[in-house]
C-alpha atoms as a PDB file:
ATOM      1  CA  MET A   1    -126.079  33.588  78.022  1.00  0.00           C
ATOM      2  CA  ALA A   2    -126.377  33.081  74.317  1.00  0.00           C
ATOM      3  CA  VAL A   3    -126.396  36.789  73.760  1.00  0.00           C
ATOM      4  CA  VAL A   4    -123.180  37.223  75.725  1.00  0.00           C
ATOM      5  CA  LEU A   5    -121.525  34.413  73.758  1.00  0.00           C
ATOM      6  CA  ALA A   6    -122.580  35.973  70.455  1.00  0.00           C
ATOM      7  CA  MET A   7    -121.152  39.314  71.507  1.00  0.00           C
ATOM      8  CA  ASP A   8    -117.861  37.664  72.512  1.00  0.00           C
ATOM      9  CA  LEU A   9    -117.630  35.931  69.167  1.00  0.00           C
ATOM     10  CA  ALA A  10    -118.362  39.168  67.329  1.00  0.00           C
ATOM     11  CA  LEU A  11    -115.663  40.957  69.311  1.00  0.00           C
ATOM     12  CA  ALA A  12    -113.153  38.196  68.627  1.00  0.00           C
ATOM     13  CA  LEU A  13    -114.009  38.279  64.937  1.00  0.00           C
ATOM     14  CA  ALA A  14    -113.571  42.037  64.847  1.00  0.00           C
ATOM     15  CA  MET A  15    -110.191  41.759  66.549  1.00  0.00           C
ATOM     16  CA  ALA A  16    -109.154  39.025  64.131  1.00  0.00           C
ATOM     17  CA  MET A  17    -110.157  41.211  61.188  1.00  0.00           C
ATOM     18  CA  ALA A  18    -108.254  44.195  62.632  1.00  0.00           C
ATOM     19  CA  LEU A  19    -105.201  42.001  63.139  1.00  0.00           C
ATOM     20  CA  ALA A  20    -105.470  40.734  59.562  1.00  0.00           C
ATOM     21  CA  MET A  21    -105.716  44.290  58.252  1.00  0.00           C
ATOM     22  CA  ALA A  22    -102.678  45.301  60.351  1.00  0.00           C
ATOM     23  CA  LEU A  23    -100.750  42.332  59.010  1.00  0.00           C
ATOM     24  CA  ALA A  24    -101.746  43.259  55.431  1.00  0.00           C
ATOM     25  CA  MET A  25    -100.622  46.846  55.973  1.00  0.00           C
ATOM     26  CA  ALA A  26     -97.350  45.644  57.474  1.00  0.00           C
ATOM     27  CA  LEU A  27     -96.859  43.348  54.477  1.00  0.00           C
ATOM     28  CA  ASP A  28     -97.562  46.204  52.068  1.00  0.00           C
ATOM     29  CA  MET A  29     -95.075  48.400  53.920  1.00  0.00           C
ATOM     30  CA  ALA A  30     -92.446  45.606  53.839  1.00  0.00           C
ATOM     31  CA  ILE A  31     -92.994  45.129  50.109  1.00  0.00           C
ATOM     32  CA  ALA A  32     -92.765  48.895  49.548  1.00  0.00           C
ATOM     33  CA  MET A  33     -89.550  49.097  51.592  1.00  0.00           C
ATOM     34  CA  ALA A  34     -88.105  46.137  49.692  1.00  0.00           C
ATOM     35  CA  MET A  35     -88.948  47.826  46.384  1.00  0.00           C
ATOM     36  CA  ALA A  36     -87.438  51.091  47.588  1.00  0.00           C
ATOM     37  CA  LEU A  37     -84.293  49.268  48.703  1.00  0.00           C
ATOM     38  CA  ALA A  38     -84.071  47.466  45.363  1.00  0.00           C
ATOM     39  CA  LEU A  39     -84.495  50.800  43.546  1.00  0.00           C
ATOM     40  CA  ALA A  40     -81.816  52.417  45.711  1.00  0.00           C
ATOM     41  CA  MET A  41     -79.468  49.542  44.980  1.00  0.00           C
ATOM     42  CA  ALA A  42     -80.188  49.839  41.263  1.00  0.00           C
ATOM     43  CA  ILE A  43     -79.522  53.582  41.383  1.00  0.00           C
ATOM     44  CA  ALA A  44     -76.277  52.968  43.330  1.00  0.00           C
ATOM     45  CA  MET A  45     -75.174  50.400  40.737  1.00  0.00           C
ATOM     46  CA  ALA A  46     -76.055  52.803  37.922  1.00  0.00           C
ATOM     47  CA  LEU A  47     -74.051  55.558  39.606  1.00  0.00           C
ATOM     48  CA  ALA A  48     -71.103  53.206  40.089  1.00  0.00           C
ATOM     49  CA  LEU A  49     -71.264  52.189  36.426  1.00  0.00           C
ATOM     50  CA  ALA A  50     -71.499  55.852  35.394  1.00  0.00           C
ATOM     51  CA  MET A  51     -68.456  56.712  37.515  1.00  0.00           C
ATOM     52  CA  ALA A  52     -66.518  53.779  36.076  1.00  0.00           C
ATOM     53  CA  LEU A  53     -67.470  54.883  32.572  1.00  0.00           C
ATOM     54  CA  ALA A  54     -66.464  58.479  33.348  1.00  0.00           C
ATOM     55  CA  MET A  55     -63.097  57.288  34.651  1.00  0.00           C
ATOM     56  CA  ALA A  56     -62.598  55.126  31.566  1.00  0.00           C
ATOM     57  CA  LEU A  57     -63.482  58.076  29.338  1.00  0.00           C
ATOM     58  CA  ALA A  58     -61.096  60.324  31.282  1.00  0.00           C
ATOM     59  CA  MET A  59     -58.308  57.777  30.887  1.00  0.00           C
ATOM     60  CA  ALA A  60     -59.096  57.423  27.186  1.00  0.00           C
ATOM     61  CA  LEU A  61     -59.071  61.226  26.852  1.00  0.00           C
ATOM     62  CA  ASP A  62     -55.708  61.434  28.627  1.00  0.00           C
ATOM     63  CA  MET A  63     -54.314  58.760  26.336  1.00  0.00           C
ATOM     64  CA  ALA A  64     -55.743  60.528  23.294  1.00  0.00           C
ATOM     65  CA  MET A  65     -54.226  63.841  24.411  1.00  0.00           C
ATOM     66  CA  ALA A  66     -50.867  62.163  25.065  1.00  0.00           C
ATOM     67  CA  MET A  67     -50.969  60.519  21.644  1.00  0.00           C
ATOM     68  CA  ALA A  68     -51.961  63.802  20.004  1.00  0.00           C
ATOM     69  CA  LEU A  69     -49.098  65.590  21.779  1.00  0.00           C
ATOM     70  CA  ALA A  70     -46.628  62.882  20.752  1.00  0.00           C
ATOM     71  CA  LEU A  71     -47.910  63.056  17.169  1.00  0.00           C
ATOM     72  CA  ALA A  72     -47.624  66.856  17.157  1.00  0.00           C
ATOM     73  CA  MET A  73     -44.050  66.640  18.446  1.00  0.00           C
ATOM     74  CA  ALA A  74     -43.204  63.994  15.844  1.00  0.00           C
ATOM     75  CA  LEU A  75     -44.707  66.146  13.084  1.00  0.00           C
ATOM     76  CA  ALA A  76     -42.808  69.197  14.334  1.00  0.00           C
ATOM     77  CA  MET A  77     -39.556  67.239  14.317  1.00  0.00           C
ATOM     78  CA  ALA A  78     -40.311  65.873  10.852  1.00  0.00           C
ATOM     79  CA  MET A  79     -41.038  69.386   9.572  1.00  0.00           C
ATOM     80  CA  ALA A  80     -37.851  70.714  11.160  1.00  0.00           C
ATOM     81  CA  LEU A  81     -35.821  67.922   9.579  1.00  0.00           C
ATOM     82  CA  ALA A  82     -37.495  68.496   6.223  1.00  0.00           C
ATOM     83  CA  LEU A  83     -36.813  72.231   6.460  1.00  0.00           C
ATOM     84  CA  ASP A  84     -33.204  71.600   7.434  1.00  0.00           C
ATOM     85  CA  LEU A  85     -32.825  69.166   4.534  1.00  0.00           C
ATOM     86  CA  ALA A  86     -34.408  71.636   2.136  1.00  0.00           C
ATOM     87  CA  MET A  87     -32.055  74.356   3.338  1.00  0.00           C
ATOM     88  CA  ARG A  88     -29.077  72.040   2.958  1.00  0.00           C
ATOM     89  CA  LEU A  89     -30.174  71.032  -0.517  1.00  0.00           C
ATOM     90  CA  SER A  90     -30.680  74.665  -1.529  1.00  0.00           C
ATOM     91  CA  MET A  91     -27.297  75.716  -0.109  1.00  0.00           C
ATOM     92  CA  ILE A  92     -24.263  75.762  -2.367  1.00  0.00           C
ATOM     93  CA  SER A  93     -21.052  74.575  -0.763  1.00  0.00           C
ATOM     94  CA  LEU A  94     -17.686  74.749  -2.457  1.00  0.00           C
ATOM     95  CA  VAL A  95     -14.074  74.158  -1.412  1.00  0.00           C
ATOM     96  CA  LEU A  96     -11.550  76.323  -3.281  1.00  0.00           C
ATOM     97  CA  PRO A  97      -7.824  77.018  -3.092  1.00  0.00           C
ATOM     98  CA  TYR A  98      -6.682  79.961  -1.032  1.00  0.00           C
ATOM     99  CA  PRO A  99      -7.409  83.011  -3.204  1.00  0.00           C
ATOM    100  CA  PRO A 100      -4.938  85.689  -4.260  1.00  0.00           C
ATOM    101  CA  THR A 101      -5.217  88.998  -2.446  1.00  0.00           C
ATOM    102  CA  ILE A 102      -6.567  92.026  -4.239  1.00  0.00           C
ATOM    103  CA  ASN A 103      -3.002  93.194  -5.011  1.00  0.00           C
ATOM    104  CA  HIS A 104      -2.247  89.881  -6.741  1.00  0.00           C
ATOM    105  CA  TYR A 105      -5.652  89.707  -8.381  1.00  0.00           C
ATOM    106  CA  TYR A 106      -5.713  93.117 -10.037  1.00  0.00           C
ATOM    107  CA  GLY A 107      -3.010  94.937 -11.947  1.00  0.00           C
ATOM    108  CA  GLN A 108      -2.946  98.460 -13.329  1.00  0.00           C
ATOM    109  CA  ALA A 109      -1.712  99.411 -16.779  1.00  0.00           C
ATOM    110  CA  ARG A 110       0.263 102.578 -17.475  1.00  0.00           C
ATOM    111  CA  SER A 111      -2.887 104.072 -18.897  1.00  0.00           C
ATOM    112  CA  GLY A 112      -4.480 103.688 -15.494  1.00  0.00           C
ATOM    113  CA  ARG A 113      -6.807 100.918 -16.621  1.00  0.00           C
ATOM    114  CA  ARG A 114      -7.195  98.128 -14.111  1.00  0.00           C
ATOM    115  CA  TYR A 115      -7.016  94.543 -15.333  1.00  0.00           C
ATOM    116  CA  ILE A 116      -7.078  91.030 -13.886  1.00  0.00           C
ATOM    117  CA  LYS A 117      -3.650  89.456 -13.572  1.00  0.00           C
ATOM    118  CA  GLN A 118      -2.849  85.971 -14.821  1.00  0.00           C
ATOM    119  CA  ARG A 119      -3.052  84.529 -11.323  1.00  0.00           C
ATOM    120  CA  GLY A 120      -6.520  86.032 -10.921  1.00  0.00           C
ATOM    121  CA  LYS A 121      -7.650  84.601 -14.273  1.00  0.00           C
ATOM    122  CA  GLU A 122      -6.413  81.173 -13.297  1.00  0.00           C
ATOM    123  CA  TYR A 123      -8.267  81.356  -9.980  1.00  0.00           C
ATOM    124  CA  ARG A 124     -11.482  82.323 -11.762  1.00  0.00           C
ATOM    125  CA  GLU A 125     -11.145  79.355 -14.103  1.00  0.00           C
ATOM    126  CA  ILE A 126     -10.524  76.990 -11.184  1.00  0.00           C
ATOM    127  CA  THR A 127     -13.621  78.319  -9.424  1.00  0.00           C
ATOM    128  CA  ARG A 128     -15.744  77.994 -12.539  1.00  0.00           C
ATOM    129  CA  SER A 129     -14.519  74.459 -13.237  1.00  0.00           C
ATOM    130  CA  LYS A 130     -15.113  73.220  -9.690  1.00  0.00           C
ATOM    131  CA  PHE A 131     -18.538  74.821  -9.509  1.00  0.00           C
ATOM    132  CA  ILE A 132     -19.770  73.437 -12.853  1.00  0.00           C
ATOM    133  CA  GLU A 133     -18.443  69.998 -11.936  1.00  0.00           C
ATOM    134  CA  LYS A 134     -20.395  69.973  -8.674  1.00  0.00           C
ATOM    135  CA  TYR A 135     -23.515  71.847  -9.830  1.00  0.00           C
ATOM    136  CA  PRO A 136     -23.939  71.191 -13.568  1.00  0.00           C
ATOM    137  CA  ASP A 137     -27.660  72.103 -13.542  1.00  0.00           C
ATOM    138  CA  HIS A 138     -27.349  75.268 -11.476  1.00  0.00           C
ATOM    139  CA  LYS A 139     -29.467  78.248 -12.462  1.00  0.00           C
ATOM    140  CA  ILE A 140     -27.907  81.603 -11.801  1.00  0.00           C
ATOM    141  CA  ILE A 141     -29.209  83.278  -8.623  1.00  0.00           C
ATOM    142  CA  GLU A 142     -30.888  86.607  -9.289  1.00  0.00           C
ATOM    143  CA  GLY A 143     -32.082  87.653  -5.830  1.00  0.00           C
ATOM    144  CA  GLN A 144     -30.426  88.460  -2.529  1.00  0.00           C
ATOM    145  CA  ILE A 145     -27.663  86.157  -1.324  1.00  0.00           C
ATOM    146  CA  GLU A 146     -26.381  84.947   2.012  1.00  0.00           C
ATOM    147  CA  LEU A 147     -22.664  84.132   1.836  1.00  0.00           C
ATOM    148  CA  GLN A 148     -20.461  82.452   4.439  1.00  0.00           C
ATOM    149  CA  ILE A 149     -16.729  82.081   3.872  1.00  0.00           C
ATOM    150  CA  CYS A 150     -14.426  79.955   6.024  1.00  0.00           C
ATOM    151  CA  VAL A 151     -10.791  80.931   5.536  1.00  0.00           C
ATOM    152  CA  PHE A 152      -7.930  78.540   6.285  1.00  0.00           C
ATOM    153  CA  PRO A 153      -4.666  80.494   5.769  1.00  0.00           C
ATOM    154  CA  PRO A 154      -1.608  78.742   4.286  1.00  0.00           C
ATOM    155  CA  ASP A 155       0.747  80.144   6.964  1.00  0.00           C
ATOM    156  CA  LYS A 156       0.864  82.239  10.140  1.00  0.00           C
ATOM    157  CA  ARG A 157       1.569  85.545   8.476  1.00  0.00           C
ATOM    158  CA  LYS A 158      -0.748  88.426   9.289  1.00  0.00           C
ATOM    159  CA  ARG A 159      -3.426  88.621   6.610  1.00  0.00           C
ATOM    160  CA  ASP A 160      -6.323  90.988   6.056  1.00  0.00           C
ATOM    161  CA  LEU A 161      -9.459  89.043   5.206  1.00  0.00           C
ATOM    162  CA  ASP A 162     -10.928  92.010   3.326  1.00  0.00           C
ATOM    163  CA  ASN A 163      -8.215  91.626   0.681  1.00  0.00           C
ATOM    164  CA  LEU A 164      -9.691  88.260  -0.334  1.00  0.00           C
ATOM    165  CA  ASN A 165     -13.295  89.281  -0.893  1.00  0.00           C
ATOM    166  CA  LYS A 166     -13.084  90.834  -4.343  1.00  0.00           C
ATOM    167  CA  CYS A 167     -11.309  87.828  -5.844  1.00  0.00           C
ATOM    168  CA  ILE A 168     -13.838  85.416  -4.314  1.00  0.00           C
ATOM    169  CA  TRP A 169     -16.859  87.443  -5.394  1.00  0.00           C
ATOM    170  CA  ASP A 170     -15.607  88.028  -8.925  1.00  0.00           C
ATOM    171  CA  SER A 171     -14.743  84.339  -9.305  1.00  0.00           C
ATOM    172  CA  LEU A 172     -18.228  83.256  -8.178  1.00  0.00           C
ATOM    173  CA  GLU A 173     -19.760  85.784 -10.539  1.00  0.00           C
ATOM    174  CA  TYR A 174     -17.516  84.518 -13.348  1.00  0.00           C
ATOM    175  CA  ALA A 175     -18.755  80.963 -12.586  1.00  0.00           C
ATOM    176  CA  ASP A 176     -22.370  82.192 -13.024  1.00  0.00           C
ATOM    177  CA  VAL A 177     -23.283  81.454  -9.421  1.00  0.00           C
ATOM    178  CA  PHE A 178     -24.946  84.867  -9.253  1.00  0.00           C
ATOM    179  CA  LYS A 179     -25.121  87.920 -11.481  1.00  0.00           C
ATOM    180  CA  ASP A 180     -23.378  90.588  -9.421  1.00  0.00           C
ATOM    181  CA  ASP A 181     -21.770  90.906  -6.008  1.00  0.00           C
ATOM    182  CA  SER A 182     -24.279  93.644  -5.149  1.00  0.00           C
ATOM    183  CA  GLN A 183     -26.680  90.748  -4.533  1.00  0.00           C
ATOM    184  CA  ILE A 184     -24.701  89.775  -1.419  1.00  0.00           C
ATOM    185  CA  TRP A 185     -27.033  90.831   1.379  1.00  0.00           C
ATOM    186  CA  TYR A 186     -25.465  88.968   4.266  1.00  0.00           C
ATOM    187  CA  LEU A 187     -21.756  88.176   4.563  1.00  0.00           C
ATOM    188  CA  GLU A 188     -19.990  86.174   7.238  1.00  0.00           C
ATOM    189  CA  MET A 189     -16.252  85.581   7.054  1.00  0.00           C
ATOM    190  CA  THR A 190     -14.429  83.470   9.637  1.00  0.00           C
ATOM    191  CA  ARG A 191     -10.713  82.762   9.999  1.00  0.00           C
ATOM    192  CA  PHE A 192      -9.720  79.223  10.991  1.00  0.00           C
ATOM    193  CA  PRO A 193      -6.347  77.713  11.934  1.00  0.00           C
ATOM    194  CA  MET A 194      -3.806  77.489   9.138  1.00  0.00           C
ATOM    195  CA  ILE A 195      -3.445  74.370   6.996  1.00  0.00           C
ATOM    196  CA  LYS A 196      -0.752  73.483   4.509  1.00  0.00           C
ATOM    197  CA  GLY A 197      -1.454  75.210   1.205  1.00  0.00           C
ATOM    198  CA  GLY A 198      -4.496  77.019   2.592  1.00  0.00           C
ATOM    199  CA  LYS A 199      -8.070  76.834   1.354  1.00  0.00           C
ATOM    200  CA  ILE A 200     -11.475  78.451   1.633  1.00  0.00           C
ATOM    201  CA  GLU A 201     -14.881  76.877   2.122  1.00  0.00           C
ATOM    202  CA  ILE A 202     -17.876  78.715   0.712  1.00  0.00           C
ATOM    203  CA  PHE A 203     -21.527  78.296   1.735  1.00  0.00           C
ATOM    204  CA  LEU A 204     -24.007  80.278  -0.317  1.00  0.00           C
ATOM    205  CA  LYS A 205     -27.774  80.389  -0.693  1.00  0.00           C
ATOM    206  CA  GLY A 206     -30.510  82.705  -1.869  1.00  0.00           C
ATOM    207  CA  MET A 207     -32.482  84.555   0.798  1.00  0.00           C
END
C-alpha cells in the first residue's frame, strides 16, 4: 500500500514539474512575443518619423526651389532693368528743328564748287548749340553708330525723307557727335504726322 502511495506521489510530482516547465515556456514565449511586438511598434514609429521627416524635407526643398526660382526671376528682371537703363543712359537723344533739304543746304558756285548755304550753316550751329547744352561732357564717338530719326513734317506737302539725311548727318558731325557719317551702320527713319513748324527727334548710340 505504501509503495503504491509513493508511486502516486512521484507521478503527481512529475506532472506538477512538467506543468511548471510548460508554464515557464509559455511565459518565455509571451515575453518574447511582447518584446517582438514592442520592437515592431518601435520600428513602425521610426518609419513614421522617417516618413514625416522625408515629407518635411520635400516641402522644404519645394519651398527652397520656389524661392530660388523667384530670386532668379527677380535677378533677371533687375538685370534687364539695369541693361535698359544703361542703354538709355548711353543713348543720345536730341530734338531739332525741321532741317533744310539738300537743295537748301548745299549751293554750287559758278566754278562748280559746292558750298553750304547760310541756312545750312545756321542749322549746323543750332544743332551744335543744342547738343553741347545737353551733353557738355560728351566724347566724340569713333566706332559704329546706330541712328534713329523721327521726322515730323511742318505741312502736308509731299517730301522725300532722303533729302534730309545729309543735312542731319553733317550737322551732327559738325557738333562733334561722331567723326564721319560713314560710321552710321544702322539707320532707321520714320515719318510721323505733321506738327506746326515741324521738328525731328534723333536717337543715337554706339554699337
